[in-house]
Amino acid sequence: MNNRMKEFRSQFNITQEELANKCYVSRQTIISLEKGKYDPSIHLAHRISKIFHTTIEEVFLFDEEEESL
């Protein structure tokens, strides 16, 4: 799954470590999310979207083909 986390982190001037701490996850989790190697739980996606004052859909870009599987 693609996402805009790095873009939002830049806008909010938040480091990976700071975001990880706010989300109660490791920095490695944030790195994996940003690289698209890990899909977040709905709870983590919600936490991240709230930190960035936006919706889950604005942060995480769902692929329509994946949804049909």
Foldseek 3Di string as FASTA:
>chain_A
DAFCLVVLCVVVVHDLCRLCVQLVHHSVVSVCVNVVNDDDDPSSLCSSQVVSVHHSCNTDPDDPVVVVD
